[in-house]
Amino acid sequence: MLAEQWGRPVRFEPVSAERWREELVALSEVEDFVNADMAGRITAVAERVAVHGSTMKADLGALARLIGRAPLTFREFARTL
C-alpha cells in the first residue's frame, strides 16, 4: 500500500526486537515521539503479537470515543504521510 501511495518502492527490512527498541529510544531523545519506557513496552507487545498472534479484536467504537473521531484505516493514514 505504501509503495502504491508514494509511487516508489518500499522494502521490508527485518530487525530484532532489541534493535527496534533501541531505535525507538533514540527517537525519543530527538523528538517528542515516545519515551524510553514506552519504547520498551511497545517492543514487548509487538514481540508477543509476532509470536502468539493478537489475542483480541480491535474495538473501533472504543477507539473512536477515546480519540474523539473515527479511526483511520492504514491506507487513509498512508495518504497523510
PDB file of N, CA and C in Angstrom:
ATOM      1  N   MET A   1       0.822  -1.197   0.000  1.00  0.00           N
ATOM      2  CA  MET A   1       0.000   0.000   0.000  1.00  0.00           C
ATOM      3  C   MET A   1       0.865   1.258   0.000  1.00  0.00           C
ATOM      4  N   LEU A   2       1.955   1.236   0.768  1.00  0.00           N
ATOM      5  CA  LEU A   2       2.808   2.423   0.815  1.00  0.00           C
ATOM      6  C   LEU A   2       3.466   2.680  -0.536  1.00  0.00           C
ATOM      7  N   ALA A   3       3.955   1.645  -1.183  1.00  0.00           N
ATOM      8  CA  ALA A   3       4.572   1.813  -2.496  1.00  0.00           C
ATOM      9  C   ALA A   3       3.566   2.390  -3.483  1.00  0.00           C
ATOM     10  N   GLU A   4       2.356   1.890  -3.432  1.00  0.00           N
ATOM     11  CA  GLU A   4       1.289   2.390  -4.313  1.00  0.00           C
ATOM     12  C   GLU A   4       0.989   3.857  -4.018  1.00  0.00           C
ATOM     13  N   GLN A   5       0.878   4.204  -2.763  1.00  0.00           N
ATOM     14  CA  GLN A   5       0.539   5.571  -2.362  1.00  0.00           C
ATOM     15  C   GLN A   5       1.651   6.557  -2.689  1.00  0.00           C
ATOM     16  N   TRP A   6       2.886   6.160  -2.439  1.00  0.00           N
ATOM     17  CA  TRP A   6       4.021   7.065  -2.613  1.00  0.00           C
ATOM     18  C   TRP A   6       4.609   7.028  -4.013  1.00  0.00           C
ATOM     19  N   GLY A   7       4.243   6.006  -4.806  1.00  0.00           N
ATOM     20  CA  GLY A   7       4.761   5.911  -6.164  1.00  0.00           C
ATOM     21  C   GLY A   7       6.238   5.556  -6.228  1.00  0.00           C
ATOM     22  N   ARG A   8       6.735   4.850  -5.239  1.00  0.00           N
ATOM     23  CA  ARG A   8       8.137   4.415  -5.226  1.00  0.00           C
ATOM     24  C   ARG A   8       8.236   3.104  -4.450  1.00  0.00           C
ATOM     25  N   PRO A   9       9.280   2.342  -4.683  1.00  0.00           N
ATOM     26  CA  PRO A   9       9.415   1.058  -3.989  1.00  0.00           C
ATOM     27  C   PRO A   9       9.600   1.230  -2.483  1.00  0.00           C
ATOM     28  N   VAL A  10       9.065   0.297  -1.742  1.00  0.00           N
ATOM     29  CA  VAL A  10       9.242   0.236  -0.295  1.00  0.00           C
ATOM     30  C   VAL A  10       9.690  -1.189   0.012  1.00  0.00           C
ATOM     31  N   ARG A  11      10.795  -1.314   0.721  1.00  0.00           N
ATOM     32  CA  ARG A  11      11.284  -2.660   1.017  1.00  0.00           C
ATOM     33  C   ARG A  11      11.134  -2.961   2.513  1.00  0.00           C
ATOM     34  N   PHE A  12      10.962  -4.208   2.801  1.00  0.00           N
ATOM     35  CA  PHE A  12      10.880  -4.681   4.179  1.00  0.00           C
ATOM     36  C   PHE A  12      12.278  -5.057   4.631  1.00  0.00           C
ATOM     37  N   GLU A  13      12.670  -4.571   5.780  1.00  0.00           N
ATOM     38  CA  GLU A  13      13.970  -4.898   6.343  1.00  0.00           C
ATOM     39  C   GLU A  13      13.757  -5.375   7.774  1.00  0.00           C
ATOM     40  N   PRO A  14      13.838  -6.684   8.006  1.00  0.00           N
ATOM     41  CA  PRO A  14      13.595  -7.186   9.360  1.00  0.00           C
ATOM     42  C   PRO A  14      14.676  -6.721  10.331  1.00  0.00           C
ATOM     43  N   VAL A  15      14.255  -6.412  11.548  1.00  0.00           N
ATOM     44  CA  VAL A  15      15.184  -6.041  12.619  1.00  0.00           C
ATOM     45  C   VAL A  15      14.782  -6.805  13.874  1.00  0.00           C
ATOM     46  N   SER A  16      15.723  -6.994  14.754  1.00  0.00           N
ATOM     47  CA  SER A  16      15.427  -7.673  16.012  1.00  0.00           C
ATOM     48  C   SER A  16      14.591  -6.758  16.904  1.00  0.00           C
ATOM     49  N   ALA A  17      13.930  -7.356  17.869  1.00  0.00           N
ATOM     50  CA  ALA A  17      13.138  -6.571  18.820  1.00  0.00           C
ATOM     51  C   ALA A  17      14.041  -5.596  19.575  1.00  0.00           C
ATOM     52  N   GLU A  18      15.233  -6.036  19.920  1.00  0.00           N
ATOM     53  CA  GLU A  18      16.163  -5.171  20.652  1.00  0.00           C
ATOM     54  C   GLU A  18      16.588  -3.966  19.803  1.00  0.00           C
ATOM     55  N   ARG A  19      16.890  -4.213  18.539  1.00  0.00           N
ATOM     56  CA  ARG A  19      17.288  -3.090  17.666  1.00  0.00           C
ATOM     57  C   ARG A  19      16.115  -2.121  17.505  1.00  0.00           C
ATOM     58  N   TRP A  20      14.903  -2.662  17.351  1.00  0.00           N
ATOM     59  CA  TRP A  20      13.731  -1.798  17.194  1.00  0.00           C
ATOM     60  C   TRP A  20      13.548  -0.930  18.441  1.00  0.00           C
ATOM     61  N   ARG A  21      13.698  -1.549  19.625  1.00  0.00           N
ATOM     62  CA  ARG A  21      13.584  -0.799  20.875  1.00  0.00           C
ATOM     63  C   ARG A  21      14.650   0.292  20.934  1.00  0.00           C
ATOM     64  N   GLU A  22      15.865  -0.060  20.575  1.00  0.00           N
ATOM     65  CA  GLU A  22      16.946   0.927  20.583  1.00  0.00           C
ATOM     66  C   GLU A  22      16.641   2.106  19.647  1.00  0.00           C
ATOM     67  N   GLU A  23      16.085   1.826  18.478  1.00  0.00           N
ATOM     68  CA  GLU A  23      15.738   2.889  17.533  1.00  0.00           C
ATOM     69  C   GLU A  23      14.609   3.767  18.080  1.00  0.00           C
ATOM     70  N   LEU A  24      13.636   3.153  18.756  1.00  0.00           N
ATOM     71  CA  LEU A  24      12.562   3.941  19.368  1.00  0.00           C
ATOM     72  C   LEU A  24      13.104   4.833  20.475  1.00  0.00           C
ATOM     73  N   VAL A  25      14.007   4.281  21.292  1.00  0.00           N
ATOM     74  CA  VAL A  25      14.615   5.071  22.366  1.00  0.00           C
ATOM     75  C   VAL A  25      15.407   6.232  21.763  1.00  0.00           C
ATOM     76  N   ALA A  26      16.169   5.966  20.704  1.00  0.00           N
ATOM     77  CA  ALA A  26      16.941   7.027  20.054  1.00  0.00           C
ATOM     78  C   ALA A  26      16.009   8.121  19.524  1.00  0.00           C
ATOM     79  N   LEU A  27      14.867   7.737  18.976  1.00  0.00           N
ATOM     80  CA  LEU A  27      13.892   8.736  18.511  1.00  0.00           C
ATOM     81  C   LEU A  27      13.379   9.575  19.671  1.00  0.00           C
ATOM     82  N   SER A  28      13.212   8.950  20.829  1.00  0.00           N
ATOM     83  CA  SER A  28      12.683   9.687  21.985  1.00  0.00           C
ATOM     84  C   SER A  28      13.642  10.774  22.442  1.00  0.00           C
ATOM     85  N   GLU A  29      14.917  10.611  22.115  1.00  0.00           N
ATOM     86  CA  GLU A  29      15.919  11.595  22.526  1.00  0.00           C
ATOM     87  C   GLU A  29      15.946  12.828  21.637  1.00  0.00           C
ATOM     88  N   VAL A  30      15.433  12.716  20.404  1.00  0.00           N
ATOM     89  CA  VAL A  30      15.477  13.856  19.478  1.00  0.00           C
ATOM     90  C   VAL A  30      14.096  14.400  19.126  1.00  0.00           C
ATOM     91  N   GLU A  31      13.060  13.613  19.368  1.00  0.00           N
ATOM     92  CA  GLU A  31      11.696  14.041  19.056  1.00  0.00           C
ATOM     93  C   GLU A  31      10.782  13.676  20.221  1.00  0.00           C
ATOM     94  N   ASP A  32       9.693  14.406  20.351  1.00  0.00           N
ATOM     95  CA  ASP A  32       8.690  14.072  21.354  1.00  0.00           C
ATOM     96  C   ASP A  32       7.811  12.968  20.784  1.00  0.00           C
ATOM     97  N   PHE A  33       8.426  11.824  20.543  1.00  0.00           N
ATOM     98  CA  PHE A  33       7.772  10.720  19.848  1.00  0.00           C
ATOM     99  C   PHE A  33       7.289   9.670  20.838  1.00  0.00           C
ATOM    100  N   VAL A  34       8.201   9.209  21.671  1.00  0.00           N
ATOM    101  CA  VAL A  34       7.900   8.186  22.661  1.00  0.00           C
ATOM    102  C   VAL A  34       9.011   8.224  23.701  1.00  0.00           C
ATOM    103  N   ASN A  35       8.687   7.929  24.962  1.00  0.00           N
ATOM    104  CA  ASN A  35       9.754   7.893  25.969  1.00  0.00           C
ATOM    105  C   ASN A  35      10.352   6.482  26.037  1.00  0.00           C
ATOM    106  N   ALA A  36      11.469   6.361  26.705  1.00  0.00           N
ATOM    107  CA  ALA A  36      12.205   5.093  26.744  1.00  0.00           C
ATOM    108  C   ALA A  36      11.373   3.960  27.337  1.00  0.00           C
ATOM    109  N   ASP A  37      10.601   4.225  28.386  1.00  0.00           N
ATOM    110  CA  ASP A  37       9.760   3.182  28.988  1.00  0.00           C
ATOM    111  C   ASP A  37       8.696   2.694  28.009  1.00  0.00           C
ATOM    112  N   MET A  38       8.088   3.641  27.302  1.00  0.00           N
ATOM    113  CA  MET A  38       7.061   3.262  26.325  1.00  0.00           C
ATOM    114  C   MET A  38       7.686   2.500  25.156  1.00  0.00           C
ATOM    115  N   ALA A  39       8.894   2.856  24.774  1.00  0.00           N
ATOM    116  CA  ALA A  39       9.591   2.126  23.707  1.00  0.00           C
ATOM    117  C   ALA A  39       9.746   0.661  24.092  1.00  0.00           C
ATOM    118  N   GLY A  40      10.110   0.407  25.341  1.00  0.00           N
ATOM    119  CA  GLY A  40      10.232  -0.964  25.819  1.00  0.00           C
ATOM    120  C   GLY A  40       8.900  -1.693  25.809  1.00  0.00           C
ATOM    121  N   ARG A  41       7.847  -1.008  26.217  1.00  0.00           N
ATOM    122  CA  ARG A  41       6.516  -1.623  26.247  1.00  0.00           C
ATOM    123  C   ARG A  41       6.012  -1.937  24.842  1.00  0.00           C
ATOM    124  N   ILE A  42       6.167  -0.978  23.932  1.00  0.00           N
ATOM    125  CA  ILE A  42       5.734  -1.188  22.542  1.00  0.00           C
ATOM    126  C   ILE A  42       6.461  -2.398  21.966  1.00  0.00           C
ATOM    127  N   THR A  43       7.759  -2.505  22.223  1.00  0.00           N
ATOM    128  CA  THR A  43       8.550  -3.618  21.711  1.00  0.00           C
ATOM    129  C   THR A  43       8.078  -4.941  22.294  1.00  0.00           C
ATOM    130  N   ALA A  44       7.805  -4.979  23.584  1.00  0.00           N
ATOM    131  CA  ALA A  44       7.357  -6.212  24.232  1.00  0.00           C
ATOM    132  C   ALA A  44       6.005  -6.668  23.684  1.00  0.00           C
ATOM    133  N   VAL A  45       5.094  -5.747  23.507  1.00  0.00           N
ATOM    134  CA  VAL A  45       3.770  -6.092  22.970  1.00  0.00           C
ATOM    135  C   VAL A  45       3.904  -6.587  21.529  1.00  0.00           C
ATOM    136  N   ALA A  46       4.689  -5.886  20.718  1.00  0.00           N
ATOM    137  CA  ALA A  46       4.865  -6.293  19.320  1.00  0.00           C
ATOM    138  C   ALA A  46       5.498  -7.678  19.227  1.00  0.00           C
ATOM    139  N   GLU A  47       6.464  -7.948  20.089  1.00  0.00           N
ATOM    140  CA  GLU A  47       7.118  -9.255  20.091  1.00  0.00           C
ATOM    141  C   GLU A  47       6.123 -10.358  20.460  1.00  0.00           C
ATOM    142  N   ARG A  48       5.273 -10.089  21.445  1.00  0.00           N
ATOM    143  CA  ARG A  48       4.269 -11.086  21.839  1.00  0.00           C
ATOM    144  C   ARG A  48       3.284 -11.354  20.716  1.00  0.00           C
ATOM    145  N   VAL A  49       2.823 -10.310  20.059  1.00  0.00           N
ATOM    146  CA  VAL A  49       1.888 -10.472  18.942  1.00  0.00           C
ATOM    147  C   VAL A  49       2.556 -11.239  17.802  1.00  0.00           C
ATOM    148  N   ALA A  50       3.830 -10.946  17.532  1.00  0.00           N
ATOM    149  CA  ALA A  50       4.545 -11.647  16.462  1.00  0.00           C
ATOM    150  C   ALA A  50       4.647 -13.142  16.749  1.00  0.00           C
ATOM    151  N   VAL A  51       4.833 -13.498  18.008  1.00  0.00           N
ATOM    152  CA  VAL A  51       4.993 -14.900  18.385  1.00  0.00           C
ATOM    153  C   VAL A  51       3.653 -15.601  18.535  1.00  0.00           C
ATOM    154  N   HIS A  52       2.691 -14.944  19.185  1.00  0.00           N
ATOM    155  CA  HIS A  52       1.437 -15.605  19.564  1.00  0.00           C
ATOM    156  C   HIS A  52       0.213 -15.132  18.784  1.00  0.00           C
ATOM    157  N   GLY A  53       0.331 -14.083  18.020  1.00  0.00           N
ATOM    158  CA  GLY A  53      -0.832 -13.516  17.333  1.00  0.00           C
ATOM    159  C   GLY A  53      -1.608 -12.608  18.276  1.00  0.00           C
ATOM    160  N   SER A  54      -2.534 -11.886  17.715  1.00  0.00           N
ATOM    161  CA  SER A  54      -3.348 -10.975  18.513  1.00  0.00           C
ATOM    162  C   SER A  54      -4.320 -11.771  19.372  1.00  0.00           C
ATOM    163  N   THR A  55      -4.531 -11.321  20.593  1.00  0.00           N
ATOM    164  CA  THR A  55      -5.427 -12.044  21.493  1.00  0.00           C
ATOM    165  C   THR A  55      -6.830 -11.456  21.525  1.00  0.00           C
ATOM    166  N   MET A  56      -6.990 -10.278  20.958  1.00  0.00           N
ATOM    167  CA  MET A  56      -8.324  -9.683  20.959  1.00  0.00           C
ATOM    168  C   MET A  56      -8.497  -8.787  19.739  1.00  0.00           C
ATOM    169  N   LYS A  57      -9.730  -8.646  19.330  1.00  0.00           N
ATOM    170  CA  LYS A  57     -10.029  -7.804  18.183  1.00  0.00           C
ATOM    171  C   LYS A  57     -10.080  -6.349  18.614  1.00  0.00           C
ATOM    172  N   ALA A  58      -9.747  -5.479  17.679  1.00  0.00           N
ATOM    173  CA  ALA A  58      -9.800  -4.045  17.948  1.00  0.00           C
ATOM    174  C   ALA A  58     -11.248  -3.612  18.164  1.00  0.00           C
ATOM    175  N   ASP A  59     -11.468  -2.749  19.127  1.00  0.00           N
ATOM    176  CA  ASP A  59     -12.781  -2.176  19.394  1.00  0.00           C
ATOM    177  C   ASP A  59     -12.782  -0.769  18.804  1.00  0.00           C
ATOM    178  N   LEU A  60     -13.200  -0.668  17.544  1.00  0.00           N
ATOM    179  CA  LEU A  60     -13.139   0.611  16.838  1.00  0.00           C
ATOM    180  C   LEU A  60     -14.030   1.671  17.474  1.00  0.00           C
ATOM    181  N   GLY A  61     -15.141   1.266  18.057  1.00  0.00           N
ATOM    182  CA  GLY A  61     -16.011   2.213  18.749  1.00  0.00           C
ATOM    183  C   GLY A  61     -15.327   2.816  19.963  1.00  0.00           C
ATOM    184  N   ALA A  62     -14.653   1.974  20.746  1.00  0.00           N
ATOM    185  CA  ALA A  62     -13.929   2.465  21.921  1.00  0.00           C
ATOM    186  C   ALA A  62     -12.785   3.378  21.498  1.00  0.00           C
ATOM    187  N   LEU A  63     -12.091   3.011  20.424  1.00  0.00           N
ATOM    188  CA  LEU A  63     -11.004   3.858  19.931  1.00  0.00           C
ATOM    189  C   LEU A  63     -11.537   5.210  19.472  1.00  0.00           C
ATOM    190  N   ALA A  64     -12.648   5.209  18.761  1.00  0.00           N
ATOM    191  CA  ALA A  64     -13.250   6.472  18.293  1.00  0.00           C
ATOM    192  C   ALA A  64     -13.627   7.356  19.482  1.00  0.00           C
ATOM    193  N   ARG A  65     -14.197   6.760  20.524  1.00  0.00           N
ATOM    194  CA  ARG A  65     -14.549   7.548  21.712  1.00  0.00           C
ATOM    195  C   ARG A  65     -13.295   8.096  22.383  1.00  0.00           C
ATOM    196  N   LEU A  66     -12.249   7.307  22.421  1.00  0.00           N
ATOM    197  CA  LEU A  66     -11.011   7.716  23.068  1.00  0.00           C
ATOM    198  C   LEU A  66     -10.335   8.876  22.338  1.00  0.00           C
ATOM    199  N   ILE A  67     -10.290   8.822  21.001  1.00  0.00           N
ATOM    200  CA  ILE A  67      -9.582   9.863  20.242  1.00  0.00           C
ATOM    201  C   ILE A  67     -10.501  10.971  19.734  1.00  0.00           C
ATOM    202  N   GLY A  68     -11.811  10.797  19.913  1.00  0.00           N
ATOM    203  CA  GLY A  68     -12.753  11.845  19.552  1.00  0.00           C
ATOM    204  C   GLY A  68     -13.077  11.953  18.069  1.00  0.00           C
ATOM    205  N   ARG A  69     -12.774  10.914  17.314  1.00  0.00           N
ATOM    206  CA  ARG A  69     -13.097  10.883  15.884  1.00  0.00           C
ATOM    207  C   ARG A  69     -13.019   9.444  15.397  1.00  0.00           C
ATOM    208  N   ALA A  70     -13.504   9.198  14.196  1.00  0.00           N
ATOM    209  CA  ALA A  70     -13.410   7.854  13.632  1.00  0.00           C
ATOM    210  C   ALA A  70     -11.942   7.524  13.341  1.00  0.00           C
ATOM    211  N   PRO A  71     -11.505   6.313  13.651  1.00  0.00           N
ATOM    212  CA  PRO A  71     -10.123   5.952  13.351  1.00  0.00           C
ATOM    213  C   PRO A  71      -9.903   5.837  11.837  1.00  0.00           C
ATOM    214  N   LEU A  72      -8.649   6.005  11.424  1.00  0.00           N
ATOM    215  CA  LEU A  72      -8.284   5.887  10.021  1.00  0.00           C
ATOM    216  C   LEU A  72      -7.894   4.447   9.692  1.00  0.00           C
ATOM    217  N   THR A  73      -8.144   4.030   8.468  1.00  0.00           N
ATOM    218  CA  THR A  73      -7.573   2.773   8.000  1.00  0.00           C
ATOM    219  C   THR A  73      -6.099   3.028   7.724  1.00  0.00           C
ATOM    220  N   PHE A  74      -5.323   1.973   7.548  1.00  0.00           N
ATOM    221  CA  PHE A  74      -3.911   2.165   7.247  1.00  0.00           C
ATOM    222  C   PHE A  74      -3.748   2.916   5.925  1.00  0.00           C
ATOM    223  N   ARG A  75      -4.564   2.578   4.934  1.00  0.00           N
ATOM    224  CA  ARG A  75      -4.491   3.260   3.635  1.00  0.00           C
ATOM    225  C   ARG A  75      -4.779   4.753   3.795  1.00  0.00           C
ATOM    226  N   GLU A  76      -5.786   5.109   4.592  1.00  0.00           N
ATOM    227  CA  GLU A  76      -6.100   6.527   4.835  1.00  0.00           C
ATOM    228  C   GLU A  76      -4.937   7.217   5.534  1.00  0.00           C
ATOM    229  N   PHE A  77      -4.337   6.535   6.517  1.00  0.00           N
ATOM    230  CA  PHE A  77      -3.197   7.098   7.215  1.00  0.00           C
ATOM    231  C   PHE A  77      -2.031   7.326   6.264  1.00  0.00           C
ATOM    232  N   ALA A  78      -1.755   6.358   5.389  1.00  0.00           N
ATOM    233  CA  ALA A  78      -0.629   6.465   4.460  1.00  0.00           C
ATOM    234  C   ALA A  78      -0.790   7.683   3.548  1.00  0.00           C
ATOM    235  N   ARG A  79      -2.008   8.028   3.218  1.00  0.00           N
ATOM    236  CA  ARG A  79      -2.243   9.196   2.362  1.00  0.00           C
ATOM    237  C   ARG A  79      -1.843  10.498   3.048  1.00  0.00           C
ATOM    238  N   THR A  80      -1.775  10.489   4.376  1.00  0.00           N
ATOM    239  CA  THR A  80      -1.429  11.709   5.113  1.00  0.00           C
ATOM    240  C   THR A  80       0.067  11.899   5.243  1.00  0.00           C
ATOM    241  N   LEU A  81       0.855  10.878   4.916  1.00  0.00           N
ATOM    242  CA  LEU A  81       2.316  10.948   5.100  1.00  0.00           C
ATOM    243  C   LEU A  81       2.988  11.660   3.956  1.00  0.00           C
TER     244      LEU A  81
END
